[in-house]
Amino acid sequence: MGTSCKIIAKSGDVYRGIRVHFDGYLEWAGVILFRNYNTDDKVYQLISLGDLSVLDANIGTNFDASDEHLRAEKRIEHQCVAYHRDYGRPLHISEGHTLEEVFEDEDHAYLWDGDNWIYCPYGKPLAMLKDLIPIQQALESKSEVSFEYAQDLFDEWVAYADKCLKEHNWRFLGFTTWLGAIKNLSGSQIEEVIKLTLTSHTDK
């Protein structure tokens, strides 16, 4: 089960938005957007991909996402995985003249205002207009990694490791290496994830 988010940008008098299925957390999607998609051109290139399975640091190029080995390679290269471009599904971009028209109850929402990213953490259309805050402020006020995000990362790695073992691939990445190479976490974030997951599994 992924944590979804909506990425929205205004073009003229129209809001255009795409849905991201996985890792919509502020700690992942918010940081990726803040660091890598910070000009109108980059944001509009991203929106033009349509709905995403995975948001990452690079727009990337077309590939066959049904090929699991190719998909793993592209994740290492930190490129987005788009449903239309990479899976061949119909292109979907939400459009409307109000935020409510393009927001669809995702867990998180990010709005590009032409200069900065604005964040809505609540996932409720009626809350958006009154609860939007600059993403930098949200990142500064939040701890390095939330407990929920750390647990989801651990569960995702376990699934990855199990799959490798079933395929007799004994050279799969350890948890710490995977966090850095695949999820692109900083050293301090990795330390926080390890601490939270160890605490959780020790307490059980």
N, C-alpha and C. Protein backbone atom coordinates (compact mmCIF):
# COMPACT_ATOMS: atom_id res chain seq x y z
N MET A 1 0.85 -1.19 0.00
CA MET A 1 0.00 0.00 0.00
C MET A 1 0.89 1.23 0.00
N GLY A 2 0.74 2.10 -1.01
CA GLY A 2 1.58 3.28 -1.09
C GLY A 2 0.95 4.45 -0.37
N THR A 3 1.79 5.44 -0.07
CA THR A 3 1.31 6.70 0.47
C THR A 3 1.29 7.70 -0.67
N SER A 4 0.12 8.06 -1.12
CA SER A 4 -0.02 8.86 -2.33
C SER A 4 0.13 10.35 -2.05
N CYS A 5 0.36 11.09 -3.13
CA CYS A 5 0.36 12.54 -3.02
C CYS A 5 -0.10 13.12 -4.35
N LYS A 6 -0.47 14.39 -4.32
CA LYS A 6 -0.86 15.12 -5.52
C LYS A 6 0.15 16.24 -5.73
N ILE A 7 0.63 16.37 -6.96
CA ILE A 7 1.53 17.46 -7.33
C ILE A 7 0.75 18.37 -8.26
N ILE A 8 0.65 19.64 -7.90
CA ILE A 8 -0.21 20.58 -8.63
C ILE A 8 0.58 21.82 -9.02
N ALA A 9 0.35 22.30 -10.23
CA ALA A 9 0.95 23.56 -10.68
C ALA A 9 -0.11 24.35 -11.42
N LYS A 10 -0.02 25.67 -11.34
CA LYS A 10 -0.98 26.52 -12.03
C LYS A 10 -0.38 27.02 -13.34
N SER A 11 -1.13 26.83 -14.42
CA SER A 11 -0.72 27.29 -15.74
C SER A 11 -1.81 28.25 -16.26
N GLY A 12 -1.52 29.54 -16.27
CA GLY A 12 -2.55 30.52 -16.60
C GLY A 12 -3.61 30.52 -15.52
N ASP A 13 -4.87 30.29 -15.89
CA ASP A 13 -5.94 30.23 -14.89
C ASP A 13 -6.38 28.80 -14.63
N VAL A 14 -5.55 27.83 -15.02
CA VAL A 14 -5.90 26.42 -14.86
C VAL A 14 -4.89 25.72 -13.96
N TYR A 15 -5.40 24.96 -12.99
CA TYR A 15 -4.55 24.10 -12.16
C TYR A 15 -4.42 22.75 -12.84
N ARG A 16 -3.20 22.22 -12.92
CA ARG A 16 -2.96 20.90 -13.49
C ARG A 16 -2.27 20.06 -12.42
N GLY A 17 -2.74 18.84 -12.24
CA GLY A 17 -2.18 18.02 -11.19
C GLY A 17 -2.00 16.57 -11.60
N ILE A 18 -1.00 15.92 -10.98
CA ILE A 18 -0.77 14.49 -11.19
C ILE A 18 -0.70 13.79 -9.85
N ARG A 19 -1.01 12.52 -9.87
CA ARG A 19 -0.99 11.70 -8.66
C ARG A 19 0.29 10.86 -8.64
N VAL A 20 0.91 10.77 -7.47
CA VAL A 20 2.06 9.88 -7.26
C VAL A 20 1.62 8.78 -6.31
N HIS A 21 1.81 7.54 -6.72
CA HIS A 21 1.28 6.42 -5.94
C HIS A 21 2.12 6.10 -4.70
N PHE A 22 3.45 6.08 -4.86
CA PHE A 22 4.32 5.67 -3.76
C PHE A 22 5.09 6.85 -3.15
N ASP A 23 5.36 6.74 -1.84
CA ASP A 23 6.27 7.65 -1.13
C ASP A 23 5.90 9.13 -1.28
N GLY A 24 4.64 9.44 -1.01
CA GLY A 24 4.20 10.83 -1.09
C GLY A 24 4.55 11.65 0.14
N TYR A 25 5.26 11.04 1.09
CA TYR A 25 5.64 11.72 2.33
C TYR A 25 6.44 12.99 2.07
N LEU A 26 6.33 13.91 3.02
CA LEU A 26 7.15 15.12 2.98
C LEU A 26 8.63 14.77 2.94
N GLU A 27 9.03 13.73 3.69
CA GLU A 27 10.44 13.36 3.78
C GLU A 27 11.00 12.86 2.46
N TRP A 28 10.12 12.36 1.57
CA TRP A 28 10.60 11.88 0.27
C TRP A 28 10.13 12.82 -0.84
N ALA A 29 8.83 12.82 -1.13
CA ALA A 29 8.33 13.62 -2.24
C ALA A 29 8.62 15.11 -2.02
N GLY A 30 8.41 15.59 -0.81
CA GLY A 30 8.65 16.99 -0.53
C GLY A 30 10.10 17.39 -0.76
N VAL A 31 11.02 16.56 -0.28
CA VAL A 31 12.44 16.84 -0.45
C VAL A 31 12.84 16.76 -1.92
N ILE A 32 12.33 15.75 -2.64
CA ILE A 32 12.64 15.59 -4.07
C ILE A 32 12.18 16.82 -4.84
N LEU A 33 10.96 17.26 -4.61
CA LEU A 33 10.43 18.43 -5.31
C LEU A 33 11.24 19.69 -4.97
N PHE A 34 11.51 19.88 -3.71
CA PHE A 34 12.22 21.08 -3.24
C PHE A 34 13.62 21.17 -3.83
N ARG A 35 14.30 20.02 -3.92
CA ARG A 35 15.69 20.02 -4.38
C ARG A 35 15.83 19.98 -5.91
N ASN A 36 14.90 19.30 -6.59
CA ASN A 36 15.12 18.98 -8.00
C ASN A 36 14.15 19.61 -8.99
N TYR A 37 12.99 20.04 -8.52
CA TYR A 37 11.99 20.61 -9.42
C TYR A 37 11.62 22.01 -8.93
N ASN A 38 12.53 22.94 -9.18
CA ASN A 38 12.39 24.27 -8.58
C ASN A 38 12.37 25.39 -9.60
N THR A 39 12.02 25.08 -10.85
CA THR A 39 11.78 26.10 -11.88
C THR A 39 10.49 25.73 -12.61
N ASP A 40 9.89 26.71 -13.26
CA ASP A 40 8.66 26.43 -14.01
C ASP A 40 8.87 25.33 -15.04
N ASP A 41 9.98 25.40 -15.78
CA ASP A 41 10.23 24.41 -16.83
C ASP A 41 10.29 23.00 -16.27
N LYS A 42 11.02 22.82 -15.17
CA LYS A 42 11.16 21.49 -14.58
C LYS A 42 9.82 20.98 -14.04
N VAL A 43 9.08 21.88 -13.42
CA VAL A 43 7.78 21.48 -12.86
C VAL A 43 6.82 21.07 -13.98
N TYR A 44 6.78 21.85 -15.05
CA TYR A 44 5.85 21.54 -16.15
C TYR A 44 6.27 20.26 -16.89
N GLN A 45 7.58 20.00 -16.99
CA GLN A 45 8.04 18.73 -17.56
C GLN A 45 7.54 17.56 -16.70
N LEU A 46 7.61 17.75 -15.39
CA LEU A 46 7.17 16.70 -14.47
C LEU A 46 5.67 16.47 -14.61
N ILE A 47 4.88 17.53 -14.58
CA ILE A 47 3.43 17.41 -14.70
C ILE A 47 3.05 16.75 -16.02
N SER A 48 3.79 17.05 -17.07
CA SER A 48 3.48 16.52 -18.41
C SER A 48 3.63 15.01 -18.49
N LEU A 49 4.34 14.41 -17.54
CA LEU A 49 4.45 12.95 -17.52
C LEU A 49 3.12 12.28 -17.17
N GLY A 50 2.23 13.01 -16.52
CA GLY A 50 1.01 12.41 -16.03
C GLY A 50 1.26 11.68 -14.72
N ASP A 51 0.30 10.89 -14.29
CA ASP A 51 0.41 10.20 -13.00
C ASP A 51 1.67 9.34 -12.94
N LEU A 52 2.26 9.31 -11.74
CA LEU A 52 3.51 8.59 -11.52
C LEU A 52 3.33 7.42 -10.56
N SER A 53 4.05 6.37 -10.83
CA SER A 53 4.20 5.31 -9.84
C SER A 53 5.21 5.77 -8.79
N VAL A 54 6.32 6.34 -9.28
CA VAL A 54 7.41 6.77 -8.40
C VAL A 54 7.91 8.15 -8.82
N LEU A 55 8.05 9.04 -7.86
CA LEU A 55 8.68 10.34 -8.08
C LEU A 55 10.14 10.23 -7.68
N ASP A 56 11.04 10.71 -8.56
CA ASP A 56 12.46 10.70 -8.20
C ASP A 56 13.13 11.95 -8.75
N ALA A 57 14.45 12.02 -8.58
CA ALA A 57 15.18 13.26 -8.85
C ALA A 57 15.27 13.63 -10.32
N ASN A 58 15.16 12.64 -11.21
CA ASN A 58 15.30 12.89 -12.65
C ASN A 58 14.04 12.53 -13.40
N ILE A 59 13.70 13.32 -14.45
CA ILE A 59 12.59 12.98 -15.33
C ILE A 59 12.85 11.63 -15.99
N GLY A 60 14.07 11.45 -16.49
CA GLY A 60 14.46 10.18 -17.10
C GLY A 60 13.94 10.00 -18.51
N THR A 61 14.03 8.79 -18.99
CA THR A 61 13.61 8.45 -20.35
C THR A 61 12.69 7.24 -20.35
N ASN A 62 12.02 7.03 -21.46
CA ASN A 62 11.08 5.92 -21.59
C ASN A 62 11.77 4.58 -21.43
N PHE A 63 11.11 3.66 -20.73
CA PHE A 63 11.59 2.28 -20.62
C PHE A 63 10.40 1.38 -20.33
N ASP A 64 10.58 0.09 -20.45
CA ASP A 64 9.50 -0.86 -20.21
C ASP A 64 9.44 -1.18 -18.71
N ALA A 65 8.55 -0.51 -18.01
CA ALA A 65 8.47 -0.67 -16.55
C ALA A 65 7.92 -2.02 -16.13
N SER A 66 7.36 -2.78 -17.06
CA SER A 66 6.90 -4.13 -16.71
C SER A 66 8.07 -5.08 -16.51
N ASP A 67 9.25 -4.68 -16.99
CA ASP A 67 10.48 -5.46 -16.79
C ASP A 67 11.07 -5.08 -15.44
N GLU A 68 11.00 -5.99 -14.47
CA GLU A 68 11.41 -5.67 -13.11
C GLU A 68 12.89 -5.33 -13.01
N HIS A 69 13.72 -5.95 -13.82
CA HIS A 69 15.15 -5.67 -13.78
C HIS A 69 15.44 -4.26 -14.29
N LEU A 70 14.76 -3.88 -15.38
CA LEU A 70 14.90 -2.51 -15.89
C LEU A 70 14.41 -1.50 -14.88
N ARG A 71 13.31 -1.83 -14.23
CA ARG A 71 12.73 -0.92 -13.24
C ARG A 71 13.71 -0.70 -12.09
N ALA A 72 14.37 -1.76 -11.67
CA ALA A 72 15.36 -1.64 -10.59
C ALA A 72 16.54 -0.77 -11.02
N GLU A 73 16.96 -0.94 -12.28
CA GLU A 73 18.07 -0.12 -12.80
C GLU A 73 17.69 1.36 -12.81
N LYS A 74 16.48 1.65 -13.23
CA LYS A 74 16.05 3.04 -13.31
C LYS A 74 15.91 3.66 -11.92
N ARG A 75 15.54 2.85 -10.94
CA ARG A 75 15.48 3.35 -9.57
C ARG A 75 16.86 3.73 -9.07
N ILE A 76 17.86 2.93 -9.43
CA ILE A 76 19.24 3.24 -9.04
C ILE A 76 19.69 4.54 -9.69
N GLU A 77 19.18 4.80 -10.91
CA GLU A 77 19.51 6.04 -11.62
C GLU A 77 18.66 7.22 -11.13
N HIS A 78 17.77 6.96 -10.19
CA HIS A 78 16.91 8.00 -9.60
C HIS A 78 16.05 8.70 -10.63
N GLN A 79 15.37 7.91 -11.47
CA GLN A 79 14.46 8.52 -12.43
C GLN A 79 13.02 8.20 -12.07
N CYS A 80 12.12 9.11 -12.47
CA CYS A 80 10.70 8.90 -12.24
C CYS A 80 10.21 7.69 -13.02
N VAL A 81 9.17 7.06 -12.48
CA VAL A 81 8.48 5.98 -13.20
C VAL A 81 7.06 6.45 -13.45
N ALA A 82 6.72 6.65 -14.74
CA ALA A 82 5.43 7.23 -15.13
C ALA A 82 4.52 6.16 -15.71
N TYR A 83 3.25 6.20 -15.33
CA TYR A 83 2.31 5.19 -15.81
C TYR A 83 2.10 5.26 -17.33
N HIS A 84 2.02 6.46 -17.89
CA HIS A 84 1.79 6.58 -19.33
C HIS A 84 3.07 6.27 -20.11
N ARG A 85 4.14 6.97 -19.79
CA ARG A 85 5.37 6.82 -20.56
C ARG A 85 5.99 5.43 -20.42
N ASP A 86 5.99 4.89 -19.21
CA ASP A 86 6.76 3.67 -18.94
C ASP A 86 5.92 2.40 -18.85
N TYR A 87 4.63 2.54 -18.55
CA TYR A 87 3.75 1.37 -18.50
C TYR A 87 2.81 1.30 -19.69
N GLY A 88 2.74 2.39 -20.47
CA GLY A 88 1.86 2.40 -21.64
C GLY A 88 0.40 2.61 -21.33
N ARG A 89 0.10 3.11 -20.15
CA ARG A 89 -1.30 3.36 -19.79
C ARG A 89 -1.75 4.73 -20.30
N PRO A 90 -3.06 4.99 -20.35
CA PRO A 90 -3.54 6.30 -20.82
C PRO A 90 -2.98 7.44 -19.97
N LEU A 91 -2.66 8.55 -20.63
CA LEU A 91 -2.15 9.72 -19.92
C LEU A 91 -3.26 10.33 -19.08
N HIS A 92 -2.95 10.61 -17.81
CA HIS A 92 -3.94 11.23 -16.93
C HIS A 92 -3.33 12.43 -16.21
N ILE A 93 -3.88 13.60 -16.48
CA ILE A 93 -3.51 14.83 -15.78
C ILE A 93 -4.81 15.52 -15.38
N SER A 94 -4.99 15.75 -14.10
CA SER A 94 -6.20 16.43 -13.62
C SER A 94 -6.12 17.91 -13.95
N GLU A 95 -7.25 18.50 -14.34
CA GLU A 95 -7.28 19.93 -14.63
C GLU A 95 -8.54 20.55 -14.04
N GLY A 96 -8.42 21.82 -13.61
CA GLY A 96 -9.58 22.53 -13.07
C GLY A 96 -9.22 23.96 -12.78
N HIS A 97 -10.23 24.77 -12.51
CA HIS A 97 -10.01 26.19 -12.22
C HIS A 97 -9.88 26.46 -10.73
N THR A 98 -10.05 25.42 -9.90
CA THR A 98 -9.85 25.56 -8.46
C THR A 98 -9.02 24.38 -7.97
N LEU A 99 -8.40 24.55 -6.80
CA LEU A 99 -7.60 23.47 -6.22
C LEU A 99 -8.48 22.25 -5.92
N GLU A 100 -9.68 22.52 -5.45
CA GLU A 100 -10.57 21.41 -5.10
C GLU A 100 -10.88 20.51 -6.29
N GLU A 101 -10.90 21.08 -7.50
CA GLU A 101 -11.21 20.30 -8.69
C GLU A 101 -10.12 19.30 -9.05
N VAL A 102 -8.87 19.58 -8.66
CA VAL A 102 -7.77 18.70 -9.04
C VAL A 102 -7.26 17.86 -7.88
N PHE A 103 -7.73 18.17 -6.67
CA PHE A 103 -7.28 17.41 -5.50
C PHE A 103 -8.25 16.28 -5.22
N GLU A 104 -7.71 15.07 -5.01
CA GLU A 104 -8.57 13.89 -4.94
C GLU A 104 -8.33 13.05 -3.68
N ASP A 105 -8.19 13.71 -2.54
CA ASP A 105 -8.05 13.01 -1.26
C ASP A 105 -6.78 12.17 -1.13
N GLU A 106 -5.70 12.59 -1.78
CA GLU A 106 -4.43 11.93 -1.54
C GLU A 106 -3.95 12.25 -0.13
N ASP A 107 -2.94 11.49 0.33
CA ASP A 107 -2.45 11.68 1.69
C ASP A 107 -1.71 13.01 1.88
N HIS A 108 -1.06 13.48 0.82
CA HIS A 108 -0.30 14.73 0.88
C HIS A 108 -0.53 15.49 -0.42
N ALA A 109 -0.28 16.80 -0.39
CA ALA A 109 -0.41 17.60 -1.61
C ALA A 109 0.69 18.64 -1.66
N TYR A 110 1.19 18.90 -2.89
CA TYR A 110 2.25 19.88 -3.11
C TYR A 110 1.83 20.79 -4.25
N LEU A 111 1.87 22.09 -4.00
CA LEU A 111 1.44 23.08 -4.99
C LEU A 111 2.62 23.98 -5.37
N TRP A 112 2.92 24.05 -6.67
CA TRP A 112 3.94 24.97 -7.17
C TRP A 112 3.26 26.30 -7.47
N ASP A 113 3.73 27.38 -6.81
CA ASP A 113 3.09 28.68 -6.99
C ASP A 113 3.82 29.58 -7.99
N GLY A 114 4.81 29.01 -8.68
CA GLY A 114 5.60 29.78 -9.64
C GLY A 114 6.96 30.15 -9.11
N ASP A 115 7.11 30.12 -7.79
CA ASP A 115 8.39 30.43 -7.15
C ASP A 115 8.79 29.40 -6.10
N ASN A 116 7.80 28.86 -5.42
CA ASN A 116 8.07 27.95 -4.31
C ASN A 116 7.06 26.82 -4.28
N TRP A 117 7.43 25.76 -3.57
CA TRP A 117 6.51 24.66 -3.31
C TRP A 117 5.75 24.93 -2.02
N ILE A 118 4.46 24.73 -2.05
CA ILE A 118 3.59 24.86 -0.89
C ILE A 118 3.06 23.47 -0.55
N TYR A 119 2.97 23.17 0.74
CA TYR A 119 2.65 21.82 1.20
C TYR A 119 1.33 21.79 1.97
N CYS A 120 0.52 20.78 1.71
CA CYS A 120 -0.68 20.52 2.50
C CYS A 120 -0.61 19.10 3.05
N PRO A 121 -0.50 18.92 4.35
CA PRO A 121 -0.30 17.59 4.92
C PRO A 121 -1.55 16.80 5.25
N TYR A 122 -2.75 17.38 5.07
CA TYR A 122 -3.92 16.76 5.66
C TYR A 122 -4.70 15.84 4.75
N GLY A 123 -4.60 16.01 3.47
CA GLY A 123 -5.31 15.12 2.56
C GLY A 123 -6.81 15.34 2.53
N LYS A 124 -7.26 16.59 2.79
CA LYS A 124 -8.68 16.90 2.75
C LYS A 124 -8.89 18.14 1.90
N PRO A 125 -9.70 18.06 0.85
CA PRO A 125 -9.88 19.21 -0.04
C PRO A 125 -10.25 20.50 0.68
N LEU A 126 -11.13 20.42 1.67
CA LEU A 126 -11.59 21.63 2.36
C LEU A 126 -10.51 22.22 3.24
N ALA A 127 -9.51 21.40 3.57
CA ALA A 127 -8.42 21.91 4.43
C ALA A 127 -7.34 22.60 3.63
N MET A 128 -7.31 22.37 2.32
CA MET A 128 -6.17 22.83 1.55
C MET A 128 -5.93 24.33 1.62
N LEU A 129 -6.93 25.12 1.37
CA LEU A 129 -6.73 26.56 1.26
C LEU A 129 -6.28 27.18 2.58
N LYS A 130 -6.73 26.64 3.70
CA LYS A 130 -6.36 27.24 4.97
C LYS A 130 -5.13 26.59 5.60
N ASP A 131 -4.72 25.43 5.09
CA ASP A 131 -3.61 24.71 5.72
C ASP A 131 -2.34 24.65 4.88
N LEU A 132 -2.32 25.32 3.75
CA LEU A 132 -1.12 25.34 2.92
C LEU A 132 0.00 26.10 3.61
N ILE A 133 1.20 25.53 3.60
CA ILE A 133 2.37 26.19 4.19
C ILE A 133 3.56 25.99 3.25
N PRO A 134 4.53 26.91 3.25
CA PRO A 134 5.72 26.72 2.42
C PRO A 134 6.43 25.42 2.77
N ILE A 135 6.87 24.69 1.74
CA ILE A 135 7.45 23.39 1.98
C ILE A 135 8.74 23.48 2.80
N GLN A 136 9.50 24.56 2.60
CA GLN A 136 10.73 24.72 3.38
C GLN A 136 10.40 24.84 4.86
N GLN A 137 9.34 25.56 5.17
CA GLN A 137 8.92 25.70 6.56
C GLN A 137 8.48 24.36 7.13
N ALA A 138 7.76 23.58 6.31
CA ALA A 138 7.32 22.26 6.76
C ALA A 138 8.50 21.34 7.02
N LEU A 139 9.52 21.40 6.15
CA LEU A 139 10.70 20.55 6.32
C LEU A 139 11.49 20.96 7.55
N GLU A 140 11.61 22.26 7.77
CA GLU A 140 12.39 22.75 8.92
C GLU A 140 11.72 22.43 10.24
N SER A 141 10.38 22.36 10.23
CA SER A 141 9.65 22.13 11.47
C SER A 141 9.45 20.65 11.77
N LYS A 142 9.85 19.79 10.82
CA LYS A 142 9.61 18.36 10.97
C LYS A 142 10.91 17.65 11.34
N SER A 143 10.80 16.59 12.13
CA SER A 143 11.98 15.80 12.44
C SER A 143 12.50 15.15 11.17
N GLU A 144 13.71 14.63 11.22
CA GLU A 144 14.36 14.04 10.05
C GLU A 144 13.49 13.00 9.35
N VAL A 145 12.95 12.07 10.10
CA VAL A 145 12.17 10.98 9.51
C VAL A 145 11.05 10.61 10.48
N SER A 146 9.85 10.45 9.97
CA SER A 146 8.74 10.04 10.83
C SER A 146 8.79 8.53 11.07
N PHE A 147 8.17 8.10 12.16
CA PHE A 147 8.14 6.67 12.49
C PHE A 147 7.43 5.89 11.39
N GLU A 148 6.31 6.44 10.89
CA GLU A 148 5.53 5.76 9.85
C GLU A 148 6.36 5.56 8.58
N TYR A 149 7.10 6.59 8.19
CA TYR A 149 7.91 6.51 6.98
C TYR A 149 9.02 5.48 7.16
N ALA A 150 9.67 5.46 8.32
CA ALA A 150 10.73 4.49 8.59
C ALA A 150 10.21 3.06 8.48
N GLN A 151 9.01 2.82 9.03
CA GLN A 151 8.45 1.47 8.98
C GLN A 151 8.10 1.07 7.55
N ASP A 152 7.57 2.01 6.78
CA ASP A 152 7.25 1.70 5.39
C ASP A 152 8.50 1.41 4.58
N LEU A 153 9.58 2.14 4.85
CA LEU A 153 10.85 1.88 4.18
C LEU A 153 11.36 0.48 4.51
N PHE A 154 11.27 0.11 5.76
CA PHE A 154 11.74 -1.22 6.17
C PHE A 154 10.90 -2.31 5.50
N ASP A 155 9.59 -2.14 5.48
CA ASP A 155 8.72 -3.13 4.85
C ASP A 155 9.01 -3.25 3.35
N GLU A 156 9.29 -2.10 2.71
CA GLU A 156 9.60 -2.12 1.28
C GLU A 156 10.91 -2.85 1.03
N TRP A 157 11.90 -2.63 1.90
CA TRP A 157 13.19 -3.32 1.73
C TRP A 157 13.03 -4.83 1.94
N VAL A 158 12.24 -5.22 2.93
CA VAL A 158 12.01 -6.65 3.18
C VAL A 158 11.40 -7.31 1.95
N ALA A 159 10.42 -6.65 1.33
CA ALA A 159 9.80 -7.19 0.12
C ALA A 159 10.83 -7.31 -1.01
N TYR A 160 11.68 -6.30 -1.13
CA TYR A 160 12.75 -6.32 -2.14
C TYR A 160 13.71 -7.47 -1.88
N ALA A 161 14.13 -7.65 -0.62
CA ALA A 161 15.07 -8.71 -0.28
C ALA A 161 14.45 -10.09 -0.50
N ASP A 162 13.19 -10.26 -0.12
CA ASP A 162 12.50 -11.53 -0.33
C ASP A 162 12.44 -11.89 -1.81
N LYS A 163 12.16 -10.90 -2.63
CA LYS A 163 12.08 -11.12 -4.07
C LYS A 163 13.43 -11.56 -4.62
N CYS A 164 14.50 -10.89 -4.18
CA CYS A 164 15.85 -11.26 -4.63
C CYS A 164 16.18 -12.70 -4.24
N LEU A 165 15.82 -13.08 -3.03
CA LEU A 165 16.11 -14.43 -2.56
C LEU A 165 15.34 -15.48 -3.37
N LYS A 166 14.10 -15.18 -3.69
CA LYS A 166 13.30 -16.10 -4.49
C LYS A 166 13.88 -16.27 -5.89
N GLU A 167 14.55 -15.23 -6.38
CA GLU A 167 15.17 -15.29 -7.70
C GLU A 167 16.62 -15.76 -7.63
N HIS A 168 17.04 -16.20 -6.41
CA HIS A 168 18.41 -16.68 -6.18
C HIS A 168 19.45 -15.61 -6.49
N ASN A 169 19.07 -14.36 -6.24
CA ASN A 169 19.99 -13.25 -6.38
C ASN A 169 20.56 -12.95 -4.99
N TRP A 170 21.75 -13.46 -4.73
CA TRP A 170 22.32 -13.36 -3.39
C TRP A 170 23.09 -12.05 -3.18
N ARG A 171 23.14 -11.21 -4.20
CA ARG A 171 23.92 -9.98 -4.10
C ARG A 171 23.01 -8.76 -3.94
N PHE A 172 21.88 -8.94 -3.30
CA PHE A 172 20.97 -7.81 -3.10
C PHE A 172 21.55 -6.84 -2.07
N LEU A 173 21.07 -5.60 -2.10
CA LEU A 173 21.60 -4.54 -1.23
C LEU A 173 21.11 -4.70 0.20
N GLY A 174 22.01 -4.50 1.14
CA GLY A 174 21.62 -4.46 2.54
C GLY A 174 20.76 -3.23 2.82
N PHE A 175 20.09 -3.23 3.96
CA PHE A 175 19.13 -2.17 4.26
C PHE A 175 19.76 -0.78 4.20
N THR A 176 20.91 -0.61 4.86
CA THR A 176 21.55 0.71 4.91
C THR A 176 21.97 1.16 3.51
N THR A 177 22.59 0.26 2.75
CA THR A 177 23.02 0.59 1.38
C THR A 177 21.82 0.91 0.50
N TRP A 178 20.75 0.13 0.65
CA TRP A 178 19.52 0.33 -0.12
C TRP A 178 18.91 1.71 0.17
N LEU A 179 18.95 2.12 1.42
CA LEU A 179 18.40 3.43 1.79
C LEU A 179 19.14 4.57 1.09
N GLY A 180 20.45 4.41 0.93
CA GLY A 180 21.23 5.44 0.28
C GLY A 180 21.17 5.37 -1.24
N ALA A 181 21.33 4.16 -1.79
CA ALA A 181 21.43 4.00 -3.25
C ALA A 181 20.09 4.08 -3.95
N ILE A 182 19.05 3.50 -3.35
CA ILE A 182 17.74 3.44 -4.00
C ILE A 182 16.83 4.58 -3.54
N LYS A 183 16.81 4.85 -2.24
CA LYS A 183 15.90 5.88 -1.72
C LYS A 183 16.57 7.25 -1.60
N ASN A 184 17.90 7.29 -1.82
CA ASN A 184 18.63 8.56 -1.86
C ASN A 184 18.53 9.35 -0.56
N LEU A 185 18.52 8.67 0.57
CA LEU A 185 18.46 9.34 1.88
C LEU A 185 19.84 9.84 2.27
N SER A 186 19.86 10.91 3.03
CA SER A 186 21.12 11.45 3.53
C SER A 186 21.61 10.57 4.68
N GLY A 187 22.86 10.81 5.10
CA GLY A 187 23.42 10.02 6.19
C GLY A 187 22.62 10.15 7.47
N SER A 188 22.21 11.38 7.81
CA SER A 188 21.45 11.59 9.04
C SER A 188 20.07 10.94 8.95
N GLN A 189 19.46 10.97 7.76
CA GLN A 189 18.16 10.32 7.58
C GLN A 189 18.29 8.81 7.73
N ILE A 190 19.35 8.25 7.17
CA ILE A 190 19.58 6.80 7.29
C ILE A 190 19.74 6.42 8.76
N GLU A 191 20.50 7.20 9.48
CA GLU A 191 20.69 6.93 10.92
C GLU A 191 19.36 6.94 11.65
N GLU A 192 18.50 7.92 11.31
CA GLU A 192 17.20 8.03 11.98
C GLU A 192 16.30 6.84 11.63
N VAL A 193 16.32 6.42 10.36
CA VAL A 193 15.52 5.26 9.94
C VAL A 193 15.97 4.01 10.69
N ILE A 194 17.28 3.79 10.74
CA ILE A 194 17.82 2.62 11.44
C ILE A 194 17.41 2.64 12.90
N LYS A 195 17.52 3.81 13.54
CA LYS A 195 17.17 3.92 14.95
C LYS A 195 15.69 3.60 15.18
N LEU A 196 14.82 4.15 14.34
CA LEU A 196 13.38 3.94 14.50
C LEU A 196 12.98 2.50 14.23
N THR A 197 13.56 1.89 13.20
CA THR A 197 13.19 0.50 12.88
C THR A 197 13.74 -0.46 13.92
N LEU A 198 14.95 -0.21 14.42
CA LEU A 198 15.50 -1.07 15.45
C LEU A 198 14.68 -0.98 16.73
N THR A 199 14.29 0.26 17.10
CA THR A 199 13.47 0.46 18.30
C THR A 199 12.14 -0.27 18.16
N SER A 200 11.52 -0.17 16.99
CA SER A 200 10.23 -0.79 16.77
C SER A 200 10.31 -2.30 16.90
N HIS A 201 11.31 -2.91 16.28
CA HIS A 201 11.38 -4.36 16.27
C HIS A 201 11.93 -4.93 17.60
N THR A 202 12.67 -4.10 18.35
CA THR A 202 13.13 -4.52 19.67
C THR A 202 11.99 -4.53 20.67
N ASP A 203 11.05 -3.58 20.50
CA ASP A 203 9.93 -3.46 21.43
C ASP A 203 8.89 -4.56 21.26
N LYS A 204 8.88 -5.23 20.09
CA LYS A 204 7.85 -6.23 19.84
C LYS A 204 8.13 -7.52 20.58
